[in-house]
């Protein structure tokens, strides 16, 4: 019997792989597009649905960057960040590590300090007013090369952003090798940040090995191709290195042909820790609650199994021990109450 969607909707959750600009709702994207009429992004929310249909991963990146281009001043940054938190709160997301790409804004002329001040102001307001705790992963946009890596690393280290917990690498994988970013990850790790690069989404298992070996990855963003390498699966399981799985995203970007072919079940069967995430939810017509429903179907889970997935995300997060204990207890209490009805 399928898990009732109301159970998933009310379940306290954490999300670990979700992008800042990629979480902009059609309402917010339309408002930003109206403020910046030189953009190709439609101002009509209905037209955005067609705009967000992707031919392939390269086309997704093209569309994504056109939305990034709408974030042009600190007011845009603050508005976007707070509204993303509002959407998360509606889904009972209690904690999220939001992937932020400072380089996309600083290259538009927003000063480093102003950018950090805007996201931090929104973060503090979201926690106080909405009850959703946000932390940041500053990521390198791989397609922008080593210049963007240097800038992202500098901002991460110099700005001393209070909510910053990790350092990532996103963008296209094809033609963007992981090893070249080693010096930047070394500096970020030395500064106390966790390593969470994307790898193995549109390339093979070697990209994941490179992320583990050269970037000292503690979690892997996507990791879809890991199932093609049994030795890699064994390594991930043995060392408890989680994969941040985003099912609908993988279909939308054509990384996986169909949901029924998604490798999530093989990952779990191999003992690899997995977390469920939405990646760029409005762009893919999804949200975290929908992704949990998909995962429940793919893995044939009951309510207890779905709650265990939610606890996986808490355990894999960079939340402090006390915070993990509180959120885990909240998940258990919610599940026990639901099952006791």
Protein backbone atom coordinates (compact mmCIF):
# COMPACT_ATOMS: atom_id res chain seq x y z
CA UNK A 1 0.00 0.00 0.00
CA UNK A 2 1.48 3.39 -1.00
CA UNK A 3 2.60 5.73 1.76
CA UNK A 4 -0.09 8.43 2.14
CA UNK A 5 1.13 11.74 0.78
CA UNK A 6 -0.17 13.60 3.88
CA UNK A 7 2.30 11.57 5.98
CA UNK A 8 5.17 12.73 3.78
CA UNK A 9 3.92 16.32 3.68
CA UNK A 10 3.85 16.55 7.47
CA UNK A 11 7.10 14.67 8.08
CA UNK A 12 9.90 16.87 9.49
CA UNK A 13 12.72 16.78 6.94
CA UNK A 14 16.24 17.93 6.12
CA UNK A 15 17.47 18.65 2.61
CA UNK A 16 21.13 18.54 1.61
CA UNK A 17 21.21 19.03 -2.16
CA UNK A 18 19.19 22.03 -3.29
CA UNK A 19 20.39 25.06 -5.20
CA UNK A 20 19.81 28.66 -4.18
CA UNK A 21 18.83 30.20 -7.52
CA UNK A 22 17.43 26.88 -8.74
CA UNK A 23 14.87 27.01 -5.92
CA UNK A 24 13.31 30.25 -7.12
CA UNK A 25 9.55 29.71 -7.53
CA UNK A 26 7.81 30.81 -10.75
CA UNK A 27 6.30 33.72 -8.82
CA UNK A 28 9.73 34.96 -7.75
CA UNK A 29 11.35 34.29 -11.12
CA UNK A 30 8.54 36.21 -12.84
CA UNK A 31 8.95 39.15 -10.45
CA UNK A 32 12.70 39.24 -11.02
CA UNK A 33 12.25 38.97 -14.80
CA UNK A 34 9.84 41.91 -14.69
CA UNK A 35 12.48 43.93 -12.81
CA UNK A 36 15.07 43.06 -15.48
CA UNK A 37 13.24 43.23 -18.85
CA UNK A 38 16.43 42.68 -20.87
CA UNK A 39 16.36 39.03 -19.77
CA UNK A 40 15.03 36.22 -22.01
CA UNK A 41 13.24 34.70 -19.01
CA UNK A 42 9.43 34.97 -19.39
CA UNK A 43 7.53 37.17 -16.94
CA UNK A 44 4.36 35.07 -17.28
CA UNK A 45 4.40 32.22 -14.70
CA UNK A 46 2.56 29.94 -17.15
CA UNK A 47 5.13 30.58 -19.86
CA UNK A 48 7.85 29.58 -17.38
CA UNK A 49 6.52 26.02 -17.43
CA UNK A 50 7.44 25.74 -21.13
CA UNK A 51 10.72 27.60 -20.57
CA UNK A 52 11.69 25.00 -17.96
CA UNK A 53 11.38 22.00 -20.33
CA UNK A 54 14.93 20.85 -21.01
CA UNK A 55 16.23 19.11 -24.11
CA UNK A 56 19.32 17.80 -22.29
CA UNK A 57 21.75 18.74 -19.53
CA UNK A 58 23.49 21.40 -21.62
CA UNK A 59 20.13 23.10 -22.28
CA UNK A 60 19.31 22.93 -18.57
CA UNK A 61 22.57 24.76 -17.77
CA UNK A 62 21.73 27.41 -20.39
CA UNK A 63 18.29 28.02 -18.86
CA UNK A 64 19.66 27.89 -15.32
CA UNK A 65 22.26 30.55 -16.09
CA UNK A 66 19.60 32.80 -17.59
CA UNK A 67 17.79 32.69 -14.25
CA UNK A 68 21.06 33.27 -12.39
CA UNK A 69 21.41 36.43 -14.47
CA UNK A 70 18.26 37.83 -12.83
CA UNK A 71 20.06 38.11 -9.47
CA UNK A 72 21.75 41.46 -9.92
CA UNK A 73 21.75 43.33 -6.59
CA UNK A 74 21.69 42.53 -2.86
CA UNK A 75 17.92 43.13 -2.72
CA UNK A 76 17.42 40.40 -5.33
CA UNK A 77 19.63 38.07 -3.29
CA UNK A 78 17.83 38.72 -0.01
CA UNK A 79 14.36 38.37 -1.55
CA UNK A 80 15.22 35.13 -3.29
CA UNK A 81 16.81 33.60 -0.19
CA UNK A 82 13.97 34.39 2.19
CA UNK A 83 11.29 33.23 -0.27
CA UNK A 84 13.13 29.93 -0.81
CA UNK A 85 13.09 29.43 2.96
CA UNK A 86 9.35 30.19 3.00
CA UNK A 87 8.71 27.47 0.41
CA UNK A 88 10.82 25.05 2.46
CA UNK A 89 8.91 25.83 5.64
CA UNK A 90 5.64 24.99 3.87
CA UNK A 91 7.07 21.51 3.23
CA UNK A 92 8.12 21.01 6.85
CA UNK A 93 11.80 21.22 5.92
CA UNK A 94 13.38 21.98 9.27
CA UNK A 95 16.99 22.14 8.09
CA UNK A 96 18.57 22.71 4.68
CA UNK A 97 22.07 23.06 3.30
CA UNK A 98 21.51 25.38 0.38
CA UNK A 99 24.08 25.38 -2.43
CA UNK A 100 25.00 28.99 -3.16
CA UNK A 101 27.22 30.20 -6.02
CA UNK A 102 28.71 33.56 -4.94
CA UNK A 103 30.69 33.91 -8.18
CA UNK A 104 27.49 34.24 -10.20
CA UNK A 105 26.60 37.36 -8.20
CA UNK A 106 30.02 38.89 -7.63
CA UNK A 107 30.83 38.80 -11.33
CA UNK A 108 27.65 40.87 -11.82
CA UNK A 109 29.18 43.51 -9.55
CA UNK A 110 27.60 42.65 -6.19
CA UNK A 111 30.37 43.11 -3.60
CA UNK A 112 31.37 40.00 -1.64
CA UNK A 113 30.40 41.52 1.70
CA UNK A 114 27.01 42.70 0.40
CA UNK A 115 26.22 39.27 -1.00
CA UNK A 116 27.08 37.53 2.25
CA UNK A 117 25.18 40.13 4.27
CA UNK A 118 22.07 39.56 2.13
CA UNK A 119 22.01 35.76 2.50
CA UNK A 120 22.87 35.96 6.20
CA UNK A 121 20.11 38.48 6.88
CA UNK A 122 17.61 36.21 5.11
CA UNK A 123 18.94 33.14 6.94
CA UNK A 124 18.51 34.70 10.37
CA UNK A 125 15.04 36.02 9.53
CA UNK A 126 13.96 32.62 8.16
CA UNK A 127 15.04 30.82 11.31
CA UNK A 128 13.37 33.35 13.60
CA UNK A 129 10.15 33.78 11.61
CA UNK A 130 9.68 30.47 9.79
CA UNK A 131 11.54 27.95 11.95
CA UNK A 132 13.64 26.69 9.04
CA UNK A 133 17.38 26.50 9.71
CA UNK A 134 19.57 27.27 6.68
CA UNK A 135 23.25 26.58 6.18
CA UNK A 136 25.34 27.27 3.09
CA UNK A 137 27.48 25.32 0.68
CA UNK A 138 29.51 27.74 -1.46
CA UNK A 139 30.12 26.02 -4.77
CA UNK A 140 32.41 26.55 -7.72
CA UNK A 141 30.58 26.79 -11.07
CA UNK A 142 32.84 24.36 -12.91
CA UNK A 143 32.01 25.69 -16.36
CA UNK A 144 33.51 29.08 -15.37
CA UNK A 145 36.94 27.56 -14.85
CA UNK A 146 39.74 28.17 -12.38
CA UNK A 147 39.06 31.89 -12.12
CA UNK A 148 35.69 31.10 -10.53
CA UNK A 149 37.35 28.54 -8.28
CA UNK A 150 39.83 31.12 -7.00
CA UNK A 151 37.09 33.69 -6.42
CA UNK A 152 34.78 31.22 -4.65
CA UNK A 153 37.58 30.01 -2.40
CA UNK A 154 38.65 33.54 -1.54
CA UNK A 155 35.11 34.59 -0.64
CA UNK A 156 34.55 31.44 1.43
CA UNK A 157 37.71 32.01 3.46
CA UNK A 158 37.78 35.81 3.71
CA UNK A 159 34.14 36.61 4.39
CA UNK A 160 33.80 34.40 7.48
CA UNK A 161 30.14 33.73 6.65
CA UNK A 162 28.50 32.43 9.83
CA UNK A 163 26.14 29.99 8.09
CA UNK A 164 28.77 28.50 5.76
CA UNK A 165 29.49 24.79 6.41
CA UNK A 166 30.69 23.27 3.15
CA UNK A 167 32.38 23.72 -0.22
CA UNK A 168 31.14 22.28 -3.50
CA UNK A 169 31.60 22.00 -7.25
CA UNK A 170 28.66 22.15 -9.65
CA UNK A 171 27.87 22.78 -13.30
CA UNK A 172 28.57 20.49 -16.25
CA UNK A 173 30.84 17.52 -15.62
CA UNK A 174 31.76 16.66 -19.19
CA UNK A 175 35.04 18.38 -20.01
CA UNK A 176 35.39 19.72 -16.44
CA UNK A 177 37.78 17.39 -14.64
CA UNK A 178 37.62 17.17 -10.84
CA UNK A 179 41.40 16.96 -10.12
CA UNK A 180 42.10 20.52 -11.36
CA UNK A 181 40.10 21.85 -8.40
CA UNK A 182 42.19 20.07 -5.77
CA UNK A 183 44.17 23.13 -4.59
CA UNK A 184 40.96 25.05 -3.96
CA UNK A 185 39.32 22.24 -2.02
CA UNK A 186 42.50 21.80 -0.02
CA UNK A 187 42.33 25.45 1.05
CA UNK A 188 38.63 25.27 1.87
CA UNK A 189 39.06 22.09 3.90
CA UNK A 190 42.01 23.62 5.76
CA UNK A 191 39.67 26.52 6.64
CA UNK A 192 37.26 24.05 8.25
CA UNK A 193 34.74 23.47 5.45
CA UNK A 194 33.32 20.09 4.42
CA UNK A 195 33.77 18.80 0.86
CA UNK A 196 30.57 18.07 -1.10
CA UNK A 197 31.23 18.16 -4.88
CA UNK A 198 28.84 17.02 -7.60
CA UNK A 199 30.15 13.95 -9.40
CA UNK A 200 28.92 11.09 -11.55
CA UNK A 201 25.69 12.72 -12.64
CA UNK A 202 26.33 12.88 -16.40
CA UNK A 203 29.75 11.20 -16.41
CA UNK A 204 30.97 7.78 -15.31
CA UNK A 205 32.22 6.38 -12.01
CA UNK A 206 35.75 7.73 -12.53
CA UNK A 207 34.44 11.24 -11.85
CA UNK A 208 33.24 10.03 -8.44
CA UNK A 209 36.60 8.39 -7.74
CA UNK A 210 38.29 11.68 -8.67
CA UNK A 211 36.02 13.59 -6.29
CA UNK A 212 36.86 11.16 -3.49
CA UNK A 213 40.59 11.00 -4.20
CA UNK A 214 41.42 14.57 -5.18
CA UNK A 215 38.66 16.62 -3.52
CA UNK A 216 38.29 14.47 -0.39
CA UNK A 217 34.52 14.37 -0.80
CA UNK A 218 32.51 13.60 2.33
CA UNK A 219 29.26 13.38 0.37
CA UNK A 220 28.70 13.10 -3.36
CA UNK A 221 26.18 15.24 -5.22
CA UNK A 222 24.11 12.87 -7.37
CA UNK A 223 26.57 10.00 -7.91
CA UNK A 224 24.11 8.42 -10.33
CA UNK A 225 26.74 6.42 -12.22
CA UNK A 226 28.18 4.82 -9.06
CA UNK A 227 26.12 1.69 -9.70
CA UNK A 228 28.24 0.97 -12.79
CA UNK A 229 31.25 0.21 -10.54
CA UNK A 230 30.76 -2.48 -7.86
CA UNK A 231 34.09 -1.59 -6.24
CA UNK A 232 32.98 2.02 -5.93
CA UNK A 233 29.69 0.98 -4.33
CA UNK A 234 31.63 -1.12 -1.83
CA UNK A 235 33.89 1.84 -1.05
CA UNK A 236 30.97 4.21 -0.52
CA UNK A 237 29.18 1.70 1.70
CA UNK A 238 32.29 0.81 3.72
CA UNK A 239 33.25 4.44 4.36
CA UNK A 240 29.64 5.60 4.84
CA UNK A 241 29.90 8.27 2.16
CA UNK A 242 26.36 9.40 1.32
CA UNK A 243 24.99 10.01 -2.15
CA UNK A 244 22.69 13.02 -2.50
CA UNK A 245 20.04 11.52 -4.80
CA UNK A 246 17.67 13.76 -6.82
CA UNK A 247 15.34 11.47 -8.84
CA UNK A 248 13.22 13.95 -10.80
CA UNK A 249 16.27 16.11 -11.57
CA UNK A 250 18.02 13.10 -13.09
CA UNK A 251 15.07 12.54 -15.43
CA UNK A 252 14.68 16.23 -16.34
CA UNK A 253 18.35 16.56 -17.30
CA UNK A 254 18.31 13.17 -19.10
CA UNK A 255 20.95 11.73 -16.76
CA UNK A 256 18.52 8.81 -16.31
CA UNK A 257 16.04 7.91 -19.09
CA UNK A 258 13.01 6.99 -16.94
CA UNK A 259 12.16 6.94 -13.25
CA UNK A 260 11.71 3.19 -13.28
CA UNK A 261 15.33 2.92 -14.44
CA UNK A 262 16.65 5.11 -11.63
CA UNK A 263 19.54 3.40 -9.77
CA UNK A 264 18.31 4.40 -6.28
CA UNK A 265 17.28 0.84 -5.43
CA UNK A 266 20.69 -0.53 -6.44
CA UNK A 267 22.43 2.07 -4.29
CA UNK A 268 20.39 1.12 -1.24
CA UNK A 269 20.80 -2.61 -1.90
CA UNK A 270 24.57 -2.10 -1.93
CA UNK A 271 24.42 -0.51 1.53
CA UNK A 272 25.32 3.00 0.35
CA UNK A 273 23.82 5.78 2.51
CA UNK A 274 21.41 7.86 0.43
CA UNK A 275 19.55 11.09 1.02
CA UNK A 276 16.58 12.34 -1.01
CA UNK A 277 16.69 15.84 -2.47
CA UNK A 278 15.00 18.13 -4.99
CA UNK A 279 18.03 19.89 -6.59
CA UNK A 280 16.32 22.73 -8.53
CA UNK A 281 12.69 22.05 -7.60
CA UNK A 282 10.59 24.67 -9.45
CA UNK A 283 12.67 24.21 -12.60
CA UNK A 284 11.91 20.50 -12.50
CA UNK A 285 8.27 20.85 -11.46
CA UNK A 286 8.85 19.13 -8.14
CA UNK A 287 9.52 19.68 -4.44
CA UNK A 288 11.03 17.62 -1.64
CA UNK A 289 7.70 16.11 -0.61
CA UNK A 290 7.19 14.86 -4.18
CA UNK A 291 10.70 13.39 -4.23
CA UNK A 292 10.01 11.47 -1.01
CA UNK A 293 6.88 10.04 -2.59
CA UNK A 294 8.90 8.92 -5.62
CA UNK A 295 11.58 7.37 -3.42
CA UNK A 296 8.93 5.54 -1.37
CA UNK A 297 7.56 4.00 -4.56
CA UNK A 298 10.95 3.10 -6.04
CA UNK A 299 12.09 1.49 -2.77
CA UNK A 300 8.67 0.04 -1.82
CA UNK A 301 8.75 1.72 1.60
CA UNK A 302 6.14 2.08 4.31
CA UNK A 303 5.90 5.03 6.70
CA UNK A 304 8.70 3.70 8.88
CA UNK A 305 10.95 3.35 5.84
CA UNK A 306 10.23 6.89 4.68
CA UNK A 307 11.00 8.17 8.18
CA UNK A 308 14.31 6.28 8.03
CA UNK A 309 15.13 8.12 4.78
CA UNK A 310 14.42 11.40 6.53
CA UNK A 311 16.75 10.39 9.36
CA UNK A 312 19.45 9.49 6.80
CA UNK A 313 19.48 13.13 5.71
CA UNK A 314 19.79 14.34 9.29
CA UNK A 315 22.67 11.96 9.95
CA UNK A 316 24.47 12.93 6.71
CA UNK A 317 24.06 16.64 7.40
CA UNK A 318 26.59 18.99 8.96
CA UNK A 319 24.16 19.99 11.69
CA UNK A 320 25.68 19.86 15.16
CA UNK A 321 25.09 16.81 17.36
CA UNK A 322 22.42 18.46 19.49
CA UNK A 323 20.56 19.66 16.41
CA UNK A 324 20.71 16.18 14.87
CA UNK A 325 19.34 14.65 18.05
CA UNK A 326 16.44 17.12 18.20
CA UNK A 327 15.43 16.67 14.57
CA UNK A 328 15.74 12.87 14.74
CA UNK A 329 13.54 12.84 17.86
CA UNK A 330 11.00 15.04 16.08
CA UNK A 331 10.86 12.61 13.13
CA UNK A 332 10.41 9.65 15.49
CA UNK A 333 7.68 11.39 17.49
CA UNK A 334 5.80 12.41 14.35
CA UNK A 335 5.97 8.88 12.91
CA UNK A 336 4.89 7.24 16.17
CA UNK A 337 1.90 9.61 16.45
CA UNK A 338 0.90 8.94 12.83
CA UNK A 339 1.12 5.17 13.18
CA UNK A 340 -0.75 5.29 16.51
CA UNK A 341 -3.81 6.98 15.03
